[in-house]
Amino acid sequence: MLSRRFAFAGYAQTRRFLDALAAWSEAQGVHPHNISFGPAYVNVTIEGRNPEGLDAEDVRVARGIEALYDPGRG
């Protein structure tokens, strides 16, 4: 499992990230297994698709999500 917490200065940034994540997920045809959020953070979890554990596709998805994160963007 891969998990990451993305921190933001406030809700506007959080919302932009969530919108970008939704658009990216739809375009890629992949979705994180678990997303939780509050006014200034988003937690994203990706579980391995295979019983043996994470594979290259899981890592590609995680890197794609990380590329959306820009904490300085207001």
PDB file of N, CA and C in Angstrom:
ATOM      1  N   MET A   1       0.840  -1.168   0.000  1.00  0.00           N
ATOM      2  CA  MET A   1       0.000   0.000   0.000  1.00  0.00           C
ATOM      3  C   MET A   1       0.892   1.240   0.000  1.00  0.00           C
ATOM      4  N   LEU A   2       0.484   2.238  -0.767  1.00  0.00           N
ATOM      5  CA  LEU A   2       1.150   3.537  -0.754  1.00  0.00           C
ATOM      6  C   LEU A   2       0.157   4.553  -0.207  1.00  0.00           C
ATOM      7  N   SER A   3       0.608   5.399   0.687  1.00  0.00           N
ATOM      8  CA  SER A   3      -0.264   6.405   1.276  1.00  0.00           C
ATOM      9  C   SER A   3       0.497   7.713   1.394  1.00  0.00           C
ATOM     10  N   ARG A   4      -0.198   8.814   1.124  1.00  0.00           N
ATOM     11  CA  ARG A   4       0.446  10.117   1.246  1.00  0.00           C
ATOM     12  C   ARG A   4      -0.573  11.144   1.693  1.00  0.00           C
ATOM     13  N   ARG A   5      -0.107  12.062   2.530  1.00  0.00           N
ATOM     14  CA  ARG A   5      -0.919  13.199   2.965  1.00  0.00           C
ATOM     15  C   ARG A   5      -0.388  14.431   2.250  1.00  0.00           C
ATOM     16  N   PHE A   6      -1.267  15.135   1.564  1.00  0.00           N
ATOM     17  CA  PHE A   6      -0.928  16.376   0.869  1.00  0.00           C
ATOM     18  C   PHE A   6      -1.486  17.533   1.688  1.00  0.00           C
ATOM     19  N   ALA A   7      -0.625  18.461   2.097  1.00  0.00           N
ATOM     20  CA  ALA A   7      -1.039  19.580   2.939  1.00  0.00           C
ATOM     21  C   ALA A   7      -1.173  20.852   2.102  1.00  0.00           C
ATOM     22  N   PHE A   8      -2.145  21.675   2.468  1.00  0.00           N
ATOM     23  CA  PHE A   8      -2.428  22.917   1.747  1.00  0.00           C
ATOM     24  C   PHE A   8      -2.630  24.067   2.729  1.00  0.00           C
ATOM     25  N   ALA A   9      -2.534  25.282   2.215  1.00  0.00           N
ATOM     26  CA  ALA A   9      -2.703  26.468   3.057  1.00  0.00           C
ATOM     27  C   ALA A   9      -4.162  26.694   3.437  1.00  0.00           C
ATOM     28  N   GLY A  10      -5.083  26.188   2.633  1.00  0.00           N
ATOM     29  CA  GLY A  10      -6.502  26.382   2.927  1.00  0.00           C
ATOM     30  C   GLY A  10      -7.378  25.596   1.975  1.00  0.00           C
ATOM     31  N   TYR A  11      -8.681  25.759   2.155  1.00  0.00           N
ATOM     32  CA  TYR A  11      -9.632  24.958   1.408  1.00  0.00           C
ATOM     33  C   TYR A  11      -9.588  25.196  -0.096  1.00  0.00           C
ATOM     34  N   ALA A  12      -9.348  26.419  -0.524  1.00  0.00           N
ATOM     35  CA  ALA A  12      -9.318  26.700  -1.965  1.00  0.00           C
ATOM     36  C   ALA A  12      -8.258  25.849  -2.662  1.00  0.00           C
ATOM     37  N   GLN A  13      -7.081  25.751  -2.070  1.00  0.00           N
ATOM     38  CA  GLN A  13      -6.021  24.910  -2.636  1.00  0.00           C
ATOM     39  C   GLN A  13      -6.405  23.432  -2.574  1.00  0.00           C
ATOM     40  N   THR A  14      -6.980  23.040  -1.466  1.00  0.00           N
ATOM     41  CA  THR A  14      -7.413  21.653  -1.313  1.00  0.00           C
ATOM     42  C   THR A  14      -8.412  21.298  -2.402  1.00  0.00           C
ATOM     43  N   ARG A  15      -9.367  22.175  -2.634  1.00  0.00           N
ATOM     44  CA  ARG A  15     -10.399  21.926  -3.644  1.00  0.00           C
ATOM     45  C   ARG A  15      -9.799  21.839  -5.044  1.00  0.00           C
ATOM     46  N   ARG A  16      -8.852  22.722  -5.351  1.00  0.00           N
ATOM     47  CA  ARG A  16      -8.199  22.664  -6.674  1.00  0.00           C
ATOM     48  C   ARG A  16      -7.476  21.328  -6.862  1.00  0.00           C
ATOM     49  N   PHE A  17      -6.812  20.866  -5.820  1.00  0.00           N
ATOM     50  CA  PHE A  17      -6.129  19.577  -5.906  1.00  0.00           C
ATOM     51  C   PHE A  17      -7.135  18.443  -6.114  1.00  0.00           C
ATOM     52  N   LEU A  18      -8.222  18.445  -5.356  1.00  0.00           N
ATOM     53  CA  LEU A  18      -9.233  17.409  -5.501  1.00  0.00           C
ATOM     54  C   LEU A  18      -9.835  17.411  -6.905  1.00  0.00           C
ATOM     55  N   ASP A  19     -10.099  18.600  -7.450  1.00  0.00           N
ATOM     56  CA  ASP A  19     -10.634  18.700  -8.810  1.00  0.00           C
ATOM     57  C   ASP A  19      -9.627  18.182  -9.833  1.00  0.00           C
ATOM     58  N   ALA A  20      -8.359  18.545  -9.658  1.00  0.00           N
ATOM     59  CA  ALA A  20      -7.312  18.075 -10.574  1.00  0.00           C
ATOM     60  C   ALA A  20      -7.164  16.557 -10.460  1.00  0.00           C
ATOM     61  N   LEU A  21      -7.236  16.024  -9.247  1.00  0.00           N
ATOM     62  CA  LEU A  21      -7.139  14.587  -9.030  1.00  0.00           C
ATOM     63  C   LEU A  21      -8.301  13.859  -9.701  1.00  0.00           C
ATOM     64  N   ALA A  22      -9.502  14.410  -9.582  1.00  0.00           N
ATOM     65  CA  ALA A  22     -10.672  13.784 -10.209  1.00  0.00           C
ATOM     66  C   ALA A  22     -10.528  13.774 -11.729  1.00  0.00           C
ATOM     67  N   ALA A  23     -10.112  14.897 -12.306  1.00  0.00           N
ATOM     68  CA  ALA A  23      -9.945  14.977 -13.763  1.00  0.00           C
ATOM     69  C   ALA A  23      -8.853  14.023 -14.237  1.00  0.00           C
ATOM     70  N   TRP A  24      -7.739  14.009 -13.529  1.00  0.00           N
ATOM     71  CA  TRP A  24      -6.633  13.119 -13.894  1.00  0.00           C
ATOM     72  C   TRP A  24      -7.064  11.658 -13.810  1.00  0.00           C
ATOM     73  N   SER A  25      -7.751  11.305 -12.733  1.00  0.00           N
ATOM     74  CA  SER A  25      -8.203   9.921 -12.545  1.00  0.00           C
ATOM     75  C   SER A  25      -9.134   9.487 -13.667  1.00  0.00           C
ATOM     76  N   GLU A  26     -10.062  10.346 -14.042  1.00  0.00           N
ATOM     77  CA  GLU A  26     -10.981  10.025 -15.133  1.00  0.00           C
ATOM     78  C   GLU A  26     -10.227   9.850 -16.448  1.00  0.00           C
ATOM     79  N   ALA A  27      -9.299  10.759 -16.721  1.00  0.00           N
ATOM     80  CA  ALA A  27      -8.533  10.692 -17.970  1.00  0.00           C
ATOM     81  C   ALA A  27      -7.667   9.439 -18.034  1.00  0.00           C
ATOM     82  N   GLN A  28      -7.128   9.020 -16.901  1.00  0.00           N
ATOM     83  CA  GLN A  28      -6.251   7.842 -16.845  1.00  0.00           C
ATOM     84  C   GLN A  28      -7.026   6.538 -16.703  1.00  0.00           C
ATOM     85  N   GLY A  29      -8.280   6.646 -16.270  1.00  0.00           N
ATOM     86  CA  GLY A  29      -9.063   5.431 -16.033  1.00  0.00           C
ATOM     87  C   GLY A  29      -8.637   4.667 -14.802  1.00  0.00           C
ATOM     88  N   VAL A  30      -8.029   5.367 -13.866  1.00  0.00           N
ATOM     89  CA  VAL A  30      -7.591   4.755 -12.604  1.00  0.00           C
ATOM     90  C   VAL A  30      -8.037   5.644 -11.451  1.00  0.00           C
ATOM     91  N   HIS A  31      -8.245   5.026 -10.310  1.00  0.00           N
ATOM     92  CA  HIS A  31      -8.712   5.784  -9.153  1.00  0.00           C
ATOM     93  C   HIS A  31      -8.026   5.273  -7.896  1.00  0.00           C
ATOM     94  N   PRO A  32      -7.625   6.192  -7.009  1.00  0.00           N
ATOM     95  CA  PRO A  32      -7.065   5.762  -5.726  1.00  0.00           C
ATOM     96  C   PRO A  32      -8.116   4.951  -4.966  1.00  0.00           C
ATOM     97  N   HIS A  33      -7.668   4.082  -4.093  1.00  0.00           N
ATOM     98  CA  HIS A  33      -8.586   3.244  -3.336  1.00  0.00           C
ATOM     99  C   HIS A  33      -9.259   3.994  -2.196  1.00  0.00           C
ATOM    100  N   ASN A  34      -8.582   4.997  -1.688  1.00  0.00           N
ATOM    101  CA  ASN A  34      -9.134   5.723  -0.552  1.00  0.00           C
ATOM    102  C   ASN A  34      -8.659   7.166  -0.607  1.00  0.00           C
ATOM    103  N   ILE A  35      -9.599   8.090  -0.508  1.00  0.00           N
ATOM    104  CA  ILE A  35      -9.302   9.520  -0.433  1.00  0.00           C
ATOM    105  C   ILE A  35     -10.086  10.075   0.747  1.00  0.00           C
ATOM    106  N   SER A  36      -9.402  10.768   1.622  1.00  0.00           N
ATOM    107  CA  SER A  36     -10.068  11.491   2.697  1.00  0.00           C
ATOM    108  C   SER A  36      -9.465  12.891   2.722  1.00  0.00           C
ATOM    109  N   PHE A  37     -10.260  13.855   3.164  1.00  0.00           N
ATOM    110  CA  PHE A  37      -9.753  15.221   3.149  1.00  0.00           C
ATOM    111  C   PHE A  37     -10.436  16.071   4.203  1.00  0.00           C
ATOM    112  N   GLY A  38      -9.759  17.159   4.510  1.00  0.00           N
ATOM    113  CA  GLY A  38     -10.275  18.179   5.404  1.00  0.00           C
ATOM    114  C   GLY A  38     -10.009  19.524   4.750  1.00  0.00           C
ATOM    115  N   PRO A  39     -10.209  20.606   5.451  1.00  0.00           N
ATOM    116  CA  PRO A  39     -10.041  21.927   4.851  1.00  0.00           C
ATOM    117  C   PRO A  39      -8.637  22.199   4.302  1.00  0.00           C
ATOM    118  N   ALA A  40      -7.609  21.579   4.880  1.00  0.00           N
ATOM    119  CA  ALA A  40      -6.242  21.901   4.457  1.00  0.00           C
ATOM    120  C   ALA A  40      -5.379  20.659   4.210  1.00  0.00           C
ATOM    121  N   TYR A  41      -6.015  19.527   3.887  1.00  0.00           N
ATOM    122  CA  TYR A  41      -5.225  18.327   3.587  1.00  0.00           C
ATOM    123  C   TYR A  41      -6.049  17.343   2.758  1.00  0.00           C
ATOM    124  N   VAL A  42      -5.328  16.469   2.066  1.00  0.00           N
ATOM    125  CA  VAL A  42      -5.935  15.346   1.357  1.00  0.00           C
ATOM    126  C   VAL A  42      -5.058  14.125   1.627  1.00  0.00           C
ATOM    127  N   ASN A  43      -5.663  13.036   2.065  1.00  0.00           N
ATOM    128  CA  ASN A  43      -4.968  11.762   2.227  1.00  0.00           C
ATOM    129  C   ASN A  43      -5.370  10.856   1.068  1.00  0.00           C
ATOM    130  N   VAL A  44      -4.378  10.273   0.411  1.00  0.00           N
ATOM    131  CA  VAL A  44      -4.628   9.377  -0.725  1.00  0.00           C
ATOM    132  C   VAL A  44      -3.927   8.047  -0.450  1.00  0.00           C
ATOM    133  N   THR A  45      -4.653   6.947  -0.662  1.00  0.00           N
ATOM    134  CA  THR A  45      -4.090   5.614  -0.497  1.00  0.00           C
ATOM    135  C   THR A  45      -4.288   4.813  -1.777  1.00  0.00           C
ATOM    136  N   ILE A  46      -3.223   4.141  -2.195  1.00  0.00           N
ATOM    137  CA  ILE A  46      -3.267   3.228  -3.338  1.00  0.00           C
ATOM    138  C   ILE A  46      -2.876   1.858  -2.815  1.00  0.00           C
ATOM    139  N   GLU A  47      -3.750   0.905  -3.019  1.00  0.00           N
ATOM    140  CA  GLU A  47      -3.457  -0.464  -2.616  1.00  0.00           C
ATOM    141  C   GLU A  47      -3.005  -1.241  -3.847  1.00  0.00           C
ATOM    142  N   GLY A  48      -2.157  -2.200  -3.649  1.00  0.00           N
ATOM    143  CA  GLY A  48      -1.676  -3.017  -4.752  1.00  0.00           C
ATOM    144  C   GLY A  48      -2.818  -3.717  -5.468  1.00  0.00           C
ATOM    145  N   ARG A  49      -2.770  -3.724  -6.779  1.00  0.00           N
ATOM    146  CA  ARG A  49      -3.803  -4.397  -7.568  1.00  0.00           C
ATOM    147  C   ARG A  49      -3.611  -5.905  -7.556  1.00  0.00           C
ATOM    148  N   ASN A  50      -2.395  -6.311  -7.318  1.00  0.00           N
ATOM    149  CA  ASN A  50      -2.069  -7.732  -7.312  1.00  0.00           C
ATOM    150  C   ASN A  50      -1.868  -8.214  -5.883  1.00  0.00           C
ATOM    151  N   PRO A  51      -2.253  -9.455  -5.591  1.00  0.00           N
ATOM    152  CA  PRO A  51      -2.058  -9.982  -4.233  1.00  0.00           C
ATOM    153  C   PRO A  51      -0.590 -10.009  -3.809  1.00  0.00           C
ATOM    154  N   GLU A  52       0.317 -10.066  -4.784  1.00  0.00           N
ATOM    155  CA  GLU A  52       1.743 -10.117  -4.468  1.00  0.00           C
ATOM    156  C   GLU A  52       2.279  -8.771  -3.983  1.00  0.00           C
ATOM    157  N   GLY A  53       1.523  -7.701  -4.207  1.00  0.00           N
ATOM    158  CA  GLY A  53       1.965  -6.382  -3.764  1.00  0.00           C
ATOM    159  C   GLY A  53       1.910  -5.363  -4.875  1.00  0.00           C
ATOM    160  N   LEU A  54       2.584  -4.262  -4.655  1.00  0.00           N
ATOM    161  CA  LEU A  54       2.584  -3.160  -5.611  1.00  0.00           C
ATOM    162  C   LEU A  54       3.328  -3.542  -6.881  1.00  0.00           C
ATOM    163  N   ASP A  55       2.858  -2.999  -7.990  1.00  0.00           N
ATOM    164  CA  ASP A  55       3.552  -3.230  -9.252  1.00  0.00           C
ATOM    165  C   ASP A  55       3.842  -1.887  -9.925  1.00  0.00           C
ATOM    166  N   ALA A  56       4.409  -1.925 -11.115  1.00  0.00           N
ATOM    167  CA  ALA A  56       4.815  -0.709 -11.820  1.00  0.00           C
ATOM    168  C   ALA A  56       3.631   0.212 -12.098  1.00  0.00           C
ATOM    169  N   GLU A  57       2.458  -0.341 -12.373  1.00  0.00           N
ATOM    170  CA  GLU A  57       1.272   0.485 -12.630  1.00  0.00           C
ATOM    171  C   GLU A  57       0.856   1.232 -11.368  1.00  0.00           C
ATOM    172  N   ASP A  58       0.914   0.587 -10.233  1.00  0.00           N
ATOM    173  CA  ASP A  58       0.584   1.256  -8.968  1.00  0.00           C
ATOM    174  C   ASP A  58       1.535   2.423  -8.717  1.00  0.00           C
ATOM    175  N   VAL A  59       2.801   2.223  -8.983  1.00  0.00           N
ATOM    176  CA  VAL A  59       3.799   3.277  -8.791  1.00  0.00           C
ATOM    177  C   VAL A  59       3.568   4.404  -9.791  1.00  0.00           C
ATOM    178  N   ARG A  60       3.209   4.080 -11.034  1.00  0.00           N
ATOM    179  CA  ARG A  60       2.907   5.103 -12.041  1.00  0.00           C
ATOM    180  C   ARG A  60       1.735   5.971 -11.592  1.00  0.00           C
ATOM    181  N   VAL A  61       0.705   5.337 -11.050  1.00  0.00           N
ATOM    182  CA  VAL A  61      -0.457   6.077 -10.562  1.00  0.00           C
ATOM    183  C   VAL A  61      -0.041   7.002  -9.412  1.00  0.00           C
ATOM    184  N   ALA A  62       0.736   6.492  -8.478  1.00  0.00           N
ATOM    185  CA  ALA A  62       1.194   7.309  -7.346  1.00  0.00           C
ATOM    186  C   ALA A  62       2.008   8.505  -7.830  1.00  0.00           C
ATOM    187  N   ARG A  63       2.886   8.276  -8.773  1.00  0.00           N
ATOM    188  CA  ARG A  63       3.698   9.386  -9.297  1.00  0.00           C
ATOM    189  C   ARG A  63       2.840  10.403 -10.045  1.00  0.00           C
ATOM    190  N   GLY A  64       1.842   9.936 -10.760  1.00  0.00           N
ATOM    191  CA  GLY A  64       0.935  10.852 -11.451  1.00  0.00           C
ATOM    192  C   GLY A  64       0.182  11.738 -10.481  1.00  0.00           C
ATOM    193  N   ILE A  65      -0.258  11.152  -9.384  1.00  0.00           N
ATOM    194  CA  ILE A  65      -0.964  11.933  -8.359  1.00  0.00           C
ATOM    195  C   ILE A  65      -0.011  12.921  -7.704  1.00  0.00           C
ATOM    196  N   GLU A  66       1.182  12.491  -7.392  1.00  0.00           N
ATOM    197  CA  GLU A  66       2.168  13.400  -6.788  1.00  0.00           C
ATOM    198  C   GLU A  66       2.476  14.579  -7.703  1.00  0.00           C
ATOM    199  N   ALA A  67       2.474  14.358  -9.012  1.00  0.00           N
ATOM    200  CA  ALA A  67       2.759  15.434  -9.961  1.00  0.00           C
ATOM    201  C   ALA A  67       1.691  16.523  -9.943  1.00  0.00           C
ATOM    202  N   LEU A  68       0.502  16.219  -9.448  1.00  0.00           N
ATOM    203  CA  LEU A  68      -0.574  17.204  -9.362  1.00  0.00           C
ATOM    204  C   LEU A  68      -0.374  18.165  -8.195  1.00  0.00           C
ATOM    205  N   TYR A  69       0.441  17.772  -7.245  1.00  0.00           N
ATOM    206  CA  TYR A  69       0.597  18.527  -5.994  1.00  0.00           C
ATOM    207  C   TYR A  69       1.529  19.712  -6.185  1.00  0.00           C
ATOM    208  N   ASP A  70       0.992  20.888  -5.899  1.00  0.00           N
ATOM    209  CA  ASP A  70       1.774  22.121  -5.943  1.00  0.00           C
ATOM    210  C   ASP A  70       1.370  22.959  -4.722  1.00  0.00           C
ATOM    211  N   PRO A  71       2.052  22.750  -3.593  1.00  0.00           N
ATOM    212  CA  PRO A  71       1.629  23.418  -2.361  1.00  0.00           C
ATOM    213  C   PRO A  71       1.734  24.941  -2.418  1.00  0.00           C
ATOM    214  N   GLY A  72       2.527  25.480  -3.328  1.00  0.00           N
ATOM    215  CA  GLY A  72       2.683  26.924  -3.413  1.00  0.00           C
ATOM    216  C   GLY A  72       1.639  27.607  -4.287  1.00  0.00           C
ATOM    217  N   ARG A  73       0.862  26.796  -4.995  1.00  0.00           N
ATOM    218  CA  ARG A  73      -0.138  27.383  -5.907  1.00  0.00           C
ATOM    219  C   ARG A  73      -1.320  27.875  -5.105  1.00  0.00           C
ATOM    220  N   GLY A  74      -1.626  29.124  -5.222  1.00  0.00           N
ATOM    221  CA  GLY A  74      -2.713  29.705  -4.449  1.00  0.00           C
ATOM    222  C   GLY A  74      -3.932  29.869  -5.227  1.00  0.00           C
TER     223      GLY A  74
END
